[in-house]
N, C-alpha and C. Protein backbone atom coordinates (compact mmCIF):
# COMPACT_ATOMS: atom_id res chain seq x y z
N MET A 1 137.03 39.87 28.13
CA MET A 1 136.45 38.61 28.43
C MET A 1 137.06 38.04 29.75
N ASN A 2 138.32 38.40 30.02
CA ASN A 2 138.97 37.93 31.21
C ASN A 2 138.23 38.45 32.46
N MET A 3 137.73 39.68 32.42
CA MET A 3 137.13 40.26 33.59
C MET A 3 135.77 39.56 33.84
N ILE A 4 135.12 39.12 32.86
CA ILE A 4 133.83 38.34 33.06
C ILE A 4 134.20 37.07 33.78
N GLY A 5 135.26 36.40 33.36
CA GLY A 5 135.68 35.14 33.99
C GLY A 5 136.12 35.43 35.43
N TYR A 6 136.74 36.50 35.70
CA TYR A 6 137.16 36.79 37.08
C TYR A 6 135.92 37.09 37.94
N GLY A 7 134.96 37.81 37.39
CA GLY A 7 133.74 38.08 38.11
C GLY A 7 133.07 36.82 38.55
N LEU A 8 132.99 35.84 37.62
CA LEU A 8 132.40 34.56 37.99
C LEU A 8 133.26 33.82 39.01
N ALA A 9 134.60 33.90 38.86
CA ALA A 9 135.50 33.19 39.80
C ALA A 9 135.50 33.86 41.19
N ALA A 10 135.11 35.08 41.29
CA ALA A 10 135.13 35.77 42.59
C ALA A 10 133.96 35.39 43.39
N ILE A 11 132.96 34.72 42.78
CA ILE A 11 131.76 34.28 43.58
C ILE A 11 132.20 33.27 44.60
N GLY A 12 133.06 32.31 44.30
CA GLY A 12 133.55 31.27 45.23
C GLY A 12 134.16 31.84 46.49
N PRO A 13 135.20 32.70 46.39
CA PRO A 13 135.75 33.31 47.59
C PRO A 13 134.73 34.10 48.33
N GLY A 14 133.85 34.77 47.68
CA GLY A 14 132.84 35.61 48.30
C GLY A 14 131.92 34.77 49.20
N ILE A 15 131.51 33.66 48.64
CA ILE A 15 130.68 32.75 49.39
C ILE A 15 131.47 32.16 50.54
N GLY A 16 132.68 31.80 50.31
CA GLY A 16 133.54 31.21 51.34
C GLY A 16 133.75 32.13 52.52
N ILE A 17 134.00 33.43 52.22
CA ILE A 17 134.17 34.36 53.31
C ILE A 17 132.89 34.51 54.10
N GLY A 18 131.79 34.56 53.43
CA GLY A 18 130.52 34.66 54.13
C GLY A 18 130.28 33.47 55.03
N LEU A 19 130.59 32.29 54.59
CA LEU A 19 130.46 31.08 55.44
C LEU A 19 131.41 31.08 56.60
N ILE A 20 132.63 31.58 56.35
CA ILE A 20 133.64 31.61 57.45
C ILE A 20 133.16 32.53 58.59
N PHE A 21 132.64 33.70 58.24
CA PHE A 21 132.26 34.61 59.32
C PHE A 21 130.88 34.22 59.90
N ALA A 22 130.03 33.58 59.12
CA ALA A 22 128.80 33.03 59.69
C ALA A 22 129.08 31.97 60.75
N ALA A 23 130.04 31.09 60.41
CA ALA A 23 130.40 30.11 61.41
C ALA A 23 131.08 30.70 62.64
N TYR A 24 131.89 31.77 62.43
CA TYR A 24 132.53 32.44 63.55
C TYR A 24 131.45 33.09 64.46
N ILE A 25 130.47 33.78 63.92
CA ILE A 25 129.45 34.40 64.71
C ILE A 25 128.66 33.34 65.46
N ASN A 26 128.34 32.25 64.72
CA ASN A 26 127.61 31.19 65.41
C ASN A 26 128.36 30.60 66.51
N GLY A 27 129.70 30.38 66.37
CA GLY A 27 130.48 29.81 67.42
C GLY A 27 130.63 30.73 68.59
N VAL A 28 130.78 32.02 68.38
CA VAL A 28 130.87 32.99 69.47
C VAL A 28 129.55 33.10 70.24
N ALA A 29 128.47 32.96 69.48
CA ALA A 29 127.14 33.07 70.15
C ALA A 29 126.90 31.83 71.02
N ARG A 30 127.42 30.69 70.64
CA ARG A 30 127.31 29.46 71.48
C ARG A 30 128.30 29.44 72.61
N GLN A 31 129.54 29.83 72.38
CA GLN A 31 130.53 29.83 73.44
C GLN A 31 131.30 31.12 73.39
N PRO A 32 130.81 32.14 74.14
CA PRO A 32 131.56 33.42 74.17
C PRO A 32 132.95 33.39 74.69
N GLU A 33 133.26 32.41 75.54
CA GLU A 33 134.61 32.36 76.09
C GLU A 33 135.62 31.88 75.07
N ALA A 34 135.17 31.33 73.93
CA ALA A 34 136.11 30.80 72.93
C ALA A 34 136.33 31.84 71.84
N GLN A 35 135.97 33.10 72.07
CA GLN A 35 136.04 34.12 70.99
C GLN A 35 137.46 34.32 70.50
N SER A 36 138.41 34.41 71.41
CA SER A 36 139.80 34.71 70.94
C SER A 36 140.33 33.55 70.04
N ARG A 37 140.03 32.37 70.40
CA ARG A 37 140.49 31.21 69.61
C ARG A 37 139.77 31.15 68.28
N LEU A 38 138.49 31.38 68.26
CA LEU A 38 137.73 31.35 67.01
C LEU A 38 138.11 32.53 66.10
N GLN A 39 138.41 33.70 66.73
CA GLN A 39 138.71 34.84 65.94
C GLN A 39 140.01 34.61 65.10
N SER A 40 140.98 34.05 65.74
CA SER A 40 142.22 33.80 64.94
C SER A 40 141.96 32.80 63.85
N ILE A 41 141.20 31.80 64.05
CA ILE A 41 140.91 30.80 63.00
C ILE A 41 140.10 31.50 61.91
N ALA A 42 139.15 32.36 62.26
CA ALA A 42 138.35 33.02 61.21
C ALA A 42 139.21 34.00 60.39
N ILE A 43 140.13 34.67 61.02
CA ILE A 43 141.01 35.57 60.26
C ILE A 43 141.94 34.83 59.31
N LEU A 44 142.41 33.66 59.77
CA LEU A 44 143.26 32.85 58.90
C LEU A 44 142.42 32.31 57.69
N GLY A 45 141.17 31.89 57.97
CA GLY A 45 140.39 31.43 56.88
C GLY A 45 140.03 32.54 55.89
N PHE A 46 139.79 33.72 56.46
CA PHE A 46 139.55 34.93 55.57
C PHE A 46 140.73 35.19 54.70
N ALA A 47 141.90 35.21 55.25
CA ALA A 47 143.11 35.46 54.49
C ALA A 47 143.35 34.49 53.36
N LEU A 48 143.15 33.20 53.69
CA LEU A 48 143.31 32.22 52.61
C LEU A 48 142.27 32.33 51.54
N ALA A 49 140.97 32.61 51.92
CA ALA A 49 139.95 32.74 50.86
C ALA A 49 140.22 33.98 50.08
N GLU A 50 140.64 35.02 50.70
CA GLU A 50 140.92 36.26 49.95
C GLU A 50 142.10 36.13 49.04
N ALA A 51 143.04 35.28 49.47
CA ALA A 51 144.24 35.07 48.61
C ALA A 51 143.81 34.41 47.29
N LEU A 52 142.80 33.57 47.29
CA LEU A 52 142.34 32.99 46.06
C LEU A 52 141.73 34.01 45.12
N ALA A 53 141.09 35.00 45.69
CA ALA A 53 140.48 36.04 44.86
C ALA A 53 141.58 36.92 44.30
N ILE A 54 142.62 37.19 45.08
CA ILE A 54 143.73 38.03 44.63
C ILE A 54 144.53 37.35 43.52
N ILE A 55 144.74 36.06 43.68
CA ILE A 55 145.41 35.28 42.64
C ILE A 55 144.56 35.26 41.35
N GLY A 56 143.28 35.14 41.51
CA GLY A 56 142.32 35.18 40.39
C GLY A 56 142.40 36.56 39.59
N ILE A 57 142.46 37.61 40.32
CA ILE A 57 142.54 38.98 39.60
C ILE A 57 143.87 39.06 38.89
N ALA A 58 144.95 38.57 39.54
CA ALA A 58 146.24 38.62 38.90
C ALA A 58 146.29 37.82 37.62
N LEU A 59 145.69 36.60 37.68
CA LEU A 59 145.65 35.79 36.44
C LEU A 59 144.75 36.43 35.37
N ALA A 60 143.74 37.13 35.79
CA ALA A 60 142.81 37.76 34.83
C ALA A 60 143.59 38.89 34.06
N PHE A 61 144.40 39.56 34.78
CA PHE A 61 145.22 40.61 33.98
C PHE A 61 146.36 39.98 33.18
N VAL A 62 146.95 38.86 33.67
CA VAL A 62 148.10 38.29 32.95
C VAL A 62 147.60 37.65 31.69
N LEU A 63 146.52 36.87 31.85
CA LEU A 63 146.08 36.01 30.68
C LEU A 63 145.23 36.86 29.90
């Protein structure tokens, strides 16, 4: 039952990661000279969103 809950909980970070990289691509398409600045922000956002998914899988195994 925990894995079903984790599967549902993983939808949030999945959507978040998609939105992060969609905004990154949109920003680079509008201002290519800002790519290096936007890339570091996108990677940080990806890491934070992925951390939520990793915490969720850890809690699914523990509980």
